[in-house]
Amino acid sequence: QVQLVESGGGLVQAGGSLRLSCAASGRTFSNLAMAWFRQAPGTEREFVATVSWSGGSTYYGYSVKGRFTISRDNAKNTVYLQMNSLKPEDTAVYYCAAEWTGDSSWYSGQAAQYDYWGHGTQVTVSS
């Protein structure tokens, strides 16, 4: 079993920055591929970013490329999402997701590929 807890959400003005954190427990973190997804009211869940458990492979959703950066600290069992140049359309609940794998290079932008999810943290960007 894997437990995920997000933190770092809040209210920020357009153009500002936030850093989200996701702390994992319950299973070896170094075997967890990690990802961030987001969902705004009335919309489908959208892929944001993912990182393989080795940290060597990352992939970003088109809408956040060049603005967001995913990273991980395996010693702290934590994955981060640095969000810069925030826009009102970034407003959503942000969810951390994890998938256990023995493949250190595996990652995915498909929500259905992830078995473990946090409860989400709200990010609101004002104009």
N, C-alpha and C. Protein backbone atom coordinates (compact mmCIF):
# COMPACT_ATOMS: atom_id res chain seq x y z
N GLN A 1 0.85 -1.18 0.00
CA GLN A 1 0.00 0.00 0.00
C GLN A 1 0.89 1.24 0.00
N VAL A 2 0.39 2.29 -0.65
CA VAL A 2 1.10 3.56 -0.73
C VAL A 2 0.15 4.66 -0.29
N GLN A 3 0.63 5.53 0.57
CA GLN A 3 -0.12 6.71 0.98
C GLN A 3 0.58 7.96 0.45
N LEU A 4 -0.20 8.88 -0.09
CA LEU A 4 0.34 10.10 -0.66
C LEU A 4 -0.36 11.29 -0.04
N VAL A 5 0.41 12.30 0.34
CA VAL A 5 -0.13 13.51 0.95
C VAL A 5 0.46 14.72 0.25
N GLU A 6 -0.41 15.50 -0.39
CA GLU A 6 0.01 16.71 -1.08
C GLU A 6 -0.01 17.90 -0.13
N SER A 7 0.83 18.88 -0.43
CA SER A 7 0.82 20.14 0.30
C SER A 7 1.38 21.23 -0.60
N GLY A 8 1.19 22.47 -0.18
CA GLY A 8 1.76 23.59 -0.89
C GLY A 8 0.80 24.39 -1.74
N GLY A 9 -0.44 23.95 -1.84
CA GLY A 9 -1.41 24.70 -2.61
C GLY A 9 -1.80 25.99 -1.92
N GLY A 10 -2.49 26.84 -2.66
CA GLY A 10 -2.92 28.10 -2.10
C GLY A 10 -3.37 29.06 -3.17
N LEU A 11 -3.48 30.32 -2.78
CA LEU A 11 -3.91 31.39 -3.67
C LEU A 11 -2.71 32.21 -4.09
N VAL A 12 -2.60 32.45 -5.39
CA VAL A 12 -1.48 33.22 -5.92
C VAL A 12 -1.98 34.06 -7.09
N GLN A 13 -1.36 35.20 -7.30
CA GLN A 13 -1.70 36.04 -8.43
C GLN A 13 -1.09 35.50 -9.72
N ALA A 14 -1.73 35.81 -10.82
CA ALA A 14 -1.18 35.43 -12.12
C ALA A 14 0.25 35.93 -12.26
N GLY A 15 1.10 35.07 -12.79
CA GLY A 15 2.51 35.39 -12.93
C GLY A 15 3.35 34.94 -11.76
N GLY A 16 2.73 34.53 -10.68
CA GLY A 16 3.44 34.09 -9.51
C GLY A 16 3.83 32.64 -9.57
N SER A 17 4.37 32.15 -8.45
CA SER A 17 4.89 30.79 -8.38
C SER A 17 4.41 30.09 -7.12
N LEU A 18 4.32 28.78 -7.22
CA LEU A 18 4.06 27.91 -6.09
C LEU A 18 4.87 26.64 -6.26
N ARG A 19 5.19 26.01 -5.15
CA ARG A 19 5.80 24.69 -5.20
C ARG A 19 4.95 23.72 -4.41
N LEU A 20 4.47 22.70 -5.09
CA LEU A 20 3.71 21.64 -4.45
C LEU A 20 4.64 20.51 -4.04
N SER A 21 4.29 19.86 -2.95
CA SER A 21 5.03 18.71 -2.48
C SER A 21 4.08 17.53 -2.31
N CYS A 22 4.61 16.35 -2.51
CA CYS A 22 3.86 15.12 -2.29
C CYS A 22 4.75 14.16 -1.54
N ALA A 23 4.37 13.84 -0.32
CA ALA A 23 5.12 12.92 0.51
C ALA A 23 4.50 11.53 0.43
N ALA A 24 5.33 10.54 0.19
CA ALA A 24 4.87 9.16 0.02
C ALA A 24 5.34 8.30 1.18
N SER A 25 4.53 7.33 1.52
CA SER A 25 4.90 6.35 2.54
C SER A 25 4.23 5.03 2.23
N GLY A 26 4.71 3.97 2.87
CA GLY A 26 4.07 2.67 2.77
C GLY A 26 4.73 1.67 1.85
N ARG A 27 5.51 2.15 0.90
CA ARG A 27 6.21 1.28 -0.02
C ARG A 27 7.47 1.99 -0.49
N THR A 28 8.44 1.24 -0.91
CA THR A 28 9.73 1.80 -1.30
C THR A 28 9.56 2.91 -2.31
N PHE A 29 9.93 4.13 -1.90
CA PHE A 29 9.73 5.29 -2.76
C PHE A 29 10.55 5.20 -4.03
N SER A 30 11.73 4.63 -3.94
CA SER A 30 12.60 4.56 -5.11
C SER A 30 12.05 3.64 -6.20
N ASN A 31 10.97 2.90 -5.91
CA ASN A 31 10.31 2.07 -6.92
C ASN A 31 8.99 2.66 -7.38
N LEU A 32 8.73 3.92 -7.06
CA LEU A 32 7.49 4.58 -7.43
C LEU A 32 7.73 5.61 -8.52
N ALA A 33 7.14 5.36 -9.68
CA ALA A 33 7.02 6.44 -10.64
C ALA A 33 5.95 7.40 -10.14
N MET A 34 6.20 8.69 -10.28
CA MET A 34 5.32 9.69 -9.71
C MET A 34 4.79 10.63 -10.78
N ALA A 35 3.64 11.20 -10.50
CA ALA A 35 3.03 12.12 -11.45
C ALA A 35 2.15 13.12 -10.74
N TRP A 36 1.88 14.21 -11.43
CA TRP A 36 0.89 15.19 -11.01
C TRP A 36 -0.20 15.30 -12.07
N PHE A 37 -1.44 15.33 -11.61
CA PHE A 37 -2.59 15.60 -12.44
C PHE A 37 -3.38 16.74 -11.81
N ARG A 38 -4.26 17.33 -12.57
CA ARG A 38 -5.11 18.38 -12.02
C ARG A 38 -6.51 18.27 -12.60
N GLN A 39 -7.47 18.82 -11.86
CA GLN A 39 -8.84 18.79 -12.30
C GLN A 39 -9.57 20.03 -11.81
N ALA A 40 -10.14 20.76 -12.74
CA ALA A 40 -10.98 21.91 -12.43
C ALA A 40 -12.44 21.49 -12.50
N PRO A 41 -13.33 22.19 -11.82
CA PRO A 41 -14.75 21.83 -11.88
C PRO A 41 -15.28 21.78 -13.30
N GLY A 42 -15.99 20.71 -13.61
CA GLY A 42 -16.59 20.57 -14.92
C GLY A 42 -15.65 20.13 -16.01
N THR A 43 -14.43 19.76 -15.67
CA THR A 43 -13.44 19.34 -16.66
C THR A 43 -12.95 17.93 -16.37
N GLU A 44 -12.33 17.34 -17.38
CA GLU A 44 -11.69 16.05 -17.21
C GLU A 44 -10.37 16.23 -16.46
N ARG A 45 -9.94 15.18 -15.80
CA ARG A 45 -8.64 15.21 -15.16
C ARG A 45 -7.55 15.34 -16.22
N GLU A 46 -6.63 16.25 -15.98
CA GLU A 46 -5.61 16.60 -16.95
C GLU A 46 -4.23 16.22 -16.44
N PHE A 47 -3.45 15.63 -17.31
CA PHE A 47 -2.07 15.30 -16.98
C PHE A 47 -1.23 16.57 -16.90
N VAL A 48 -0.36 16.62 -15.89
CA VAL A 48 0.52 17.77 -15.69
C VAL A 48 1.98 17.40 -15.91
N ALA A 49 2.48 16.42 -15.15
CA ALA A 49 3.89 16.07 -15.23
C ALA A 49 4.12 14.70 -14.60
N THR A 50 5.18 14.04 -15.01
CA THR A 50 5.53 12.75 -14.43
C THR A 50 7.04 12.61 -14.40
N VAL A 51 7.52 11.78 -13.50
CA VAL A 51 8.95 11.50 -13.37
C VAL A 51 9.13 10.03 -13.02
N SER A 52 10.07 9.38 -13.68
CA SER A 52 10.39 8.00 -13.36
C SER A 52 11.06 7.93 -11.99
N TRP A 53 11.08 6.73 -11.41
CA TRP A 53 11.62 6.66 -10.05
C TRP A 53 13.12 6.88 -9.99
N SER A 54 13.80 6.72 -11.10
CA SER A 54 15.21 7.06 -11.14
C SER A 54 15.44 8.56 -11.19
N GLY A 55 14.40 9.31 -11.55
CA GLY A 55 14.53 10.74 -11.75
C GLY A 55 15.11 11.12 -13.09
N GLY A 56 15.46 10.13 -13.90
CA GLY A 56 16.13 10.40 -15.15
C GLY A 56 15.22 10.73 -16.31
N SER A 57 13.93 10.48 -16.17
CA SER A 57 12.98 10.72 -17.25
C SER A 57 11.83 11.56 -16.74
N THR A 58 11.51 12.61 -17.46
CA THR A 58 10.36 13.46 -17.14
C THR A 58 9.55 13.72 -18.39
N TYR A 59 8.28 14.03 -18.18
CA TYR A 59 7.37 14.30 -19.28
C TYR A 59 6.32 15.27 -18.78
N TYR A 60 5.94 16.23 -19.62
CA TYR A 60 5.03 17.29 -19.22
C TYR A 60 3.85 17.41 -20.16
N GLY A 61 2.73 17.80 -19.59
CA GLY A 61 1.59 18.14 -20.40
C GLY A 61 1.86 19.39 -21.22
N TYR A 62 1.24 19.45 -22.38
CA TYR A 62 1.49 20.54 -23.30
C TYR A 62 1.23 21.92 -22.66
N SER A 63 0.19 22.04 -21.87
CA SER A 63 -0.20 23.33 -21.34
C SER A 63 0.75 23.88 -20.29
N VAL A 64 1.64 23.05 -19.74
CA VAL A 64 2.54 23.51 -18.68
C VAL A 64 4.00 23.46 -19.09
N LYS A 65 4.30 23.02 -20.29
CA LYS A 65 5.68 22.94 -20.74
C LYS A 65 6.35 24.31 -20.67
N GLY A 66 7.55 24.32 -20.13
CA GLY A 66 8.31 25.55 -20.00
C GLY A 66 7.99 26.35 -18.77
N ARG A 67 6.93 26.00 -18.04
CA ARG A 67 6.54 26.73 -16.84
C ARG A 67 6.65 25.89 -15.57
N PHE A 68 6.37 24.60 -15.67
CA PHE A 68 6.38 23.73 -14.51
C PHE A 68 7.57 22.78 -14.58
N THR A 69 8.07 22.39 -13.41
CA THR A 69 9.16 21.44 -13.33
C THR A 69 8.85 20.41 -12.25
N ILE A 70 8.93 19.14 -12.61
CA ILE A 70 8.76 18.07 -11.63
C ILE A 70 10.13 17.56 -11.22
N SER A 71 10.28 17.25 -9.95
CA SER A 71 11.53 16.71 -9.45
C SER A 71 11.22 15.80 -8.26
N ARG A 72 12.20 15.03 -7.85
CA ARG A 72 11.99 14.15 -6.71
C ARG A 72 13.24 14.07 -5.87
N ASP A 73 13.03 13.81 -4.60
CA ASP A 73 14.11 13.58 -3.65
C ASP A 73 13.82 12.25 -3.00
N ASN A 74 14.47 11.21 -3.49
CA ASN A 74 14.17 9.87 -3.00
C ASN A 74 14.56 9.69 -1.53
N ALA A 75 15.57 10.43 -1.08
CA ALA A 75 15.96 10.35 0.32
C ALA A 75 14.87 10.87 1.24
N LYS A 76 14.03 11.79 0.75
CA LYS A 76 12.94 12.35 1.53
C LYS A 76 11.58 11.78 1.16
N ASN A 77 11.55 10.82 0.25
CA ASN A 77 10.30 10.21 -0.21
C ASN A 77 9.30 11.26 -0.68
N THR A 78 9.79 12.23 -1.43
CA THR A 78 8.97 13.37 -1.80
C THR A 78 9.17 13.73 -3.26
N VAL A 79 8.07 14.08 -3.91
CA VAL A 79 8.12 14.61 -5.26
C VAL A 79 7.60 16.04 -5.22
N TYR A 80 8.13 16.89 -6.08
CA TYR A 80 7.79 18.30 -6.09
C TYR A 80 7.27 18.71 -7.46
N LEU A 81 6.47 19.75 -7.45
CA LEU A 81 6.06 20.39 -8.68
C LEU A 81 6.28 21.89 -8.51
N GLN A 82 7.30 22.40 -9.16
CA GLN A 82 7.56 23.83 -9.15
C GLN A 82 6.75 24.47 -10.27
N MET A 83 5.88 25.40 -9.92
CA MET A 83 4.99 26.03 -10.87
C MET A 83 5.34 27.51 -10.96
N ASN A 84 5.76 27.93 -12.13
CA ASN A 84 6.11 29.32 -12.38
C ASN A 84 5.18 29.91 -13.44
N SER A 85 5.16 31.22 -13.50
CA SER A 85 4.35 31.93 -14.49
C SER A 85 2.92 31.43 -14.50
N LEU A 86 2.34 31.35 -13.32
CA LEU A 86 1.01 30.78 -13.19
C LEU A 86 -0.05 31.65 -13.88
N LYS A 87 -1.03 30.97 -14.43
CA LYS A 87 -2.13 31.59 -15.15
C LYS A 87 -3.45 31.22 -14.48
N PRO A 88 -4.49 32.04 -14.65
CA PRO A 88 -5.79 31.67 -14.08
C PRO A 88 -6.27 30.30 -14.52
N GLU A 89 -5.95 29.88 -15.73
CA GLU A 89 -6.37 28.58 -16.20
C GLU A 89 -5.64 27.42 -15.53
N ASP A 90 -4.63 27.72 -14.72
CA ASP A 90 -3.98 26.69 -13.92
C ASP A 90 -4.77 26.37 -12.65
N THR A 91 -5.80 27.14 -12.37
CA THR A 91 -6.62 26.91 -11.18
C THR A 91 -7.26 25.53 -11.24
N ALA A 92 -7.03 24.72 -10.22
CA ALA A 92 -7.54 23.36 -10.18
C ALA A 92 -7.14 22.72 -8.86
N VAL A 93 -7.70 21.55 -8.61
CA VAL A 93 -7.18 20.69 -7.57
C VAL A 93 -6.07 19.86 -8.18
N TYR A 94 -4.92 19.87 -7.55
CA TYR A 94 -3.76 19.14 -8.04
C TYR A 94 -3.60 17.87 -7.24
N TYR A 95 -3.48 16.76 -7.95
CA TYR A 95 -3.37 15.44 -7.34
C TYR A 95 -2.02 14.82 -7.62
N CYS A 96 -1.47 14.22 -6.61
CA CYS A 96 -0.26 13.42 -6.73
C CYS A 96 -0.66 11.97 -6.99
N ALA A 97 0.06 11.29 -7.86
CA ALA A 97 -0.22 9.90 -8.18
C ALA A 97 1.07 9.10 -8.22
N ALA A 98 0.97 7.80 -7.93
CA ALA A 98 2.13 6.93 -7.91
C ALA A 98 1.81 5.57 -8.48
N GLU A 99 2.81 4.97 -9.08
CA GLU A 99 2.70 3.60 -9.57
C GLU A 99 3.97 2.86 -9.24
N TRP A 100 3.81 1.72 -8.57
CA TRP A 100 4.97 0.90 -8.24
C TRP A 100 5.45 0.17 -9.48
N THR A 101 6.74 0.18 -9.71
CA THR A 101 7.30 -0.51 -10.86
C THR A 101 8.75 -0.87 -10.57
N GLY A 102 9.19 -1.98 -11.14
CA GLY A 102 10.58 -2.35 -11.05
C GLY A 102 11.43 -1.73 -12.14
N ASP A 103 10.80 -1.03 -13.06
CA ASP A 103 11.49 -0.39 -14.18
C ASP A 103 11.81 1.04 -13.78
N SER A 104 13.07 1.33 -13.57
CA SER A 104 13.47 2.64 -13.08
C SER A 104 13.25 3.76 -14.07
N SER A 105 13.00 3.43 -15.33
CA SER A 105 12.80 4.44 -16.35
C SER A 105 11.34 4.63 -16.75
N TRP A 106 10.43 3.88 -16.13
CA TRP A 106 9.02 3.93 -16.52
C TRP A 106 8.37 5.22 -16.05
N TYR A 107 7.51 5.78 -16.90
CA TYR A 107 6.68 6.92 -16.54
C TYR A 107 5.47 6.92 -17.46
N SER A 108 4.44 7.66 -17.07
CA SER A 108 3.22 7.68 -17.86
C SER A 108 2.45 8.95 -17.62
N GLY A 109 1.82 9.44 -18.67
CA GLY A 109 0.90 10.56 -18.57
C GLY A 109 -0.56 10.16 -18.57
N GLN A 110 -0.83 8.87 -18.41
CA GLN A 110 -2.20 8.35 -18.41
C GLN A 110 -2.65 8.09 -16.98
N ALA A 111 -3.73 8.73 -16.58
CA ALA A 111 -4.21 8.59 -15.21
C ALA A 111 -4.53 7.15 -14.84
N ALA A 112 -5.04 6.39 -15.81
CA ALA A 112 -5.44 5.02 -15.54
C ALA A 112 -4.26 4.11 -15.21
N GLN A 113 -3.06 4.55 -15.51
CA GLN A 113 -1.88 3.75 -15.22
C GLN A 113 -1.44 3.84 -13.76
N TYR A 114 -2.00 4.75 -13.01
CA TYR A 114 -1.58 4.97 -11.63
C TYR A 114 -2.57 4.36 -10.65
N ASP A 115 -2.07 3.63 -9.69
CA ASP A 115 -2.90 2.94 -8.71
C ASP A 115 -3.09 3.71 -7.42
N TYR A 116 -2.23 4.66 -7.13
CA TYR A 116 -2.25 5.36 -5.85
C TYR A 116 -2.39 6.85 -6.07
N TRP A 117 -3.26 7.45 -5.27
CA TRP A 117 -3.59 8.87 -5.41
C TRP A 117 -3.69 9.56 -4.07
N GLY A 118 -3.23 10.80 -4.03
CA GLY A 118 -3.47 11.63 -2.88
C GLY A 118 -4.85 12.26 -2.94
N HIS A 119 -5.18 13.03 -1.92
CA HIS A 119 -6.49 13.66 -1.83
C HIS A 119 -6.56 15.00 -2.54
N GLY A 120 -5.44 15.53 -2.95
CA GLY A 120 -5.42 16.75 -3.72
C GLY A 120 -5.16 17.99 -2.89
N THR A 121 -4.65 19.01 -3.56
CA THR A 121 -4.44 20.31 -2.93
C THR A 121 -4.90 21.39 -3.91
N GLN A 122 -5.63 22.36 -3.40
CA GLN A 122 -6.22 23.39 -4.25
C GLN A 122 -5.20 24.45 -4.61
N VAL A 123 -5.13 24.76 -5.89
CA VAL A 123 -4.34 25.87 -6.39
C VAL A 123 -5.29 26.84 -7.07
N THR A 124 -5.29 28.08 -6.63
CA THR A 124 -6.14 29.10 -7.22
C THR A 124 -5.27 30.26 -7.67
N VAL A 125 -5.39 30.61 -8.94
CA VAL A 125 -4.61 31.69 -9.53
C VAL A 125 -5.57 32.81 -9.90
N SER A 126 -5.38 33.96 -9.30
CA SER A 126 -6.25 35.10 -9.55
C SER A 126 -5.67 35.97 -10.65
N SER A 127 -6.55 36.67 -11.34
CA SER A 127 -6.14 37.57 -12.40
C SER A 127 -6.04 39.01 -11.94
